[in-house]
Protein backbone atom coordinates (compact mmCIF):
# COMPACT_ATOMS: atom_id res chain seq x y z
CA MET A 1 0.00 0.00 0.00
CA LEU A 2 2.73 2.43 0.94
CA GLU A 3 5.51 2.98 -1.51
CA LEU A 4 8.92 1.50 -0.78
CA GLU A 5 10.54 4.94 -0.60
CA THR A 6 8.12 6.06 2.09
CA LEU A 7 8.72 2.97 4.18
CA LEU A 8 12.47 3.31 3.73
CA ALA A 9 12.41 6.99 4.75
CA PHE A 10 10.35 6.12 7.81
CA GLY A 11 12.77 3.37 8.79
CA ILE A 12 15.82 5.57 8.35
CA GLY A 13 14.18 8.45 10.21
CA ALA A 14 13.11 6.24 13.10
CA GLY A 15 16.61 4.77 13.24
CA LEU A 16 18.17 8.22 13.40
CA VAL A 17 15.77 9.30 16.14
CA ALA A 18 16.73 6.20 18.12
CA LEU A 19 20.46 6.78 17.46
CA ALA A 20 20.49 10.44 18.55
CA PRO A 21 20.43 9.80 22.33
CA ALA A 22 23.30 7.32 22.01
CA LEU A 23 25.33 9.84 20.03
CA LYS A 24 24.62 12.52 22.65
CA ALA A 25 25.85 10.18 25.38
CA VAL A 26 29.03 9.33 23.48
CA LEU A 27 29.83 12.70 21.94
CA GLY A 28 28.44 14.95 24.64
CA LYS A 29 25.12 16.75 24.97
CA GLU A 30 26.29 19.89 23.20
CA ASN A 31 27.57 18.06 20.10
CA SER A 32 26.11 19.43 16.86
CA ILE A 33 26.35 16.05 15.08
CA ALA A 34 24.05 14.38 17.59
CA ALA A 35 21.61 17.30 17.35
CA ALA A 36 21.65 17.18 13.54
CA VAL A 37 21.08 13.41 13.49
CA GLY A 38 18.13 13.74 15.86
CA SER A 39 16.64 16.65 13.94
CA THR A 40 17.02 14.94 10.57
CA GLY A 41 15.54 11.74 11.95
CA ARG A 42 12.51 13.58 13.28
CA LYS A 43 11.95 15.36 9.96
CA LEU A 44 12.23 12.13 7.93
CA THR A 45 9.94 10.23 10.28
CA LYS A 46 7.35 13.02 10.36
CA SER A 47 7.35 13.39 6.56
CA SER A 48 6.95 9.65 6.07
CA LEU A 49 4.09 9.53 8.54
CA LYS A 50 2.35 12.40 6.74
CA VAL A 51 2.57 10.53 3.44
CA GLY A 52 1.26 7.39 5.12
CA LEU A 53 -1.67 9.23 6.65
CA VAL A 54 -2.61 10.79 3.29
CA VAL A 55 -2.41 7.40 1.56
CA VAL A 56 -4.56 5.74 4.23
CA ASP A 57 -7.11 8.57 4.03
CA LYS A 58 -7.33 8.28 0.23
CA ALA A 59 -7.64 4.49 0.40
CA THR A 60 -10.39 4.76 3.01
CA SER A 61 -12.30 7.26 0.88
CA ALA A 62 -11.95 5.05 -2.18
CA ALA A 63 -13.18 2.01 -0.24
CA LYS A 64 -16.24 3.94 0.93
CA VAL A 65 -17.07 4.97 -2.65
CA VAL A 66 -16.68 1.39 -3.88
CA GLY A 67 -18.82 0.10 -1.01
CA SER A 68 -21.53 2.63 -1.81
CA GLY A 69 -21.45 1.65 -5.49
CA LEU A 70 -21.72 -2.03 -4.62
CA ALA A 71 -24.70 -1.32 -2.37
CA GLU A 72 -26.45 0.45 -5.25
CA VAL A 73 -25.70 -2.45 -7.60
CA GLY A 74 -27.09 -4.90 -5.04
CA GLU A 75 -30.24 -2.83 -4.65
CA SER A 76 -30.76 -2.60 -8.40
CA PHE A 77 -30.21 -6.32 -8.78
CA GLY A 78 -32.73 -6.99 -6.01
CA ASP A 79 -35.27 -4.79 -7.81
CA ILE A 80 -34.72 -6.69 -11.07
CA ILE A 81 -35.20 -10.02 -9.31
CA ALA A 82 -38.43 -8.80 -7.71
CA GLU A 83 -39.72 -7.58 -11.09
CA ALA A 84 -38.81 -10.89 -12.71
CA LYS A 85 -40.65 -12.84 -10.00
CA THR A 86 -43.68 -10.59 -10.37
CA GLU A 87 -43.71 -11.05 -14.14
CA LEU A 88 -43.25 -14.78 -13.74
CA GLY A 89 -46.21 -14.90 -11.35
CA GLN A 90 -48.36 -12.91 -13.80
CA SER A 91 -47.52 -15.22 -16.71
CA LYS A 92 -48.45 -18.28 -14.62
CA SER A 93 -51.82 -16.79 -13.69
CA GLU A 94 -52.55 -15.98 -17.36
CA THR A 95 -52.17 -19.60 -18.43
């Protein structure tokens, strides 16, 4: 459902977010590399989640439209069956 690039970006971003505290512990809290890794990880993860949320929203909307269309088809088919039964009953009573 989600594209490979989105999943990959999410994975990398989440990995960077998880790595940032370890880098801060090793390099020191004031290290700019650790801060940049954490910041980049957050941005990648957030962007990937946004794409995922949009895709899920679009898929949900499409599923609702398809479900509505199928309900209408089922209703029409039920009407046709009822008409056919009525006509069949009329032709039996005429003979």
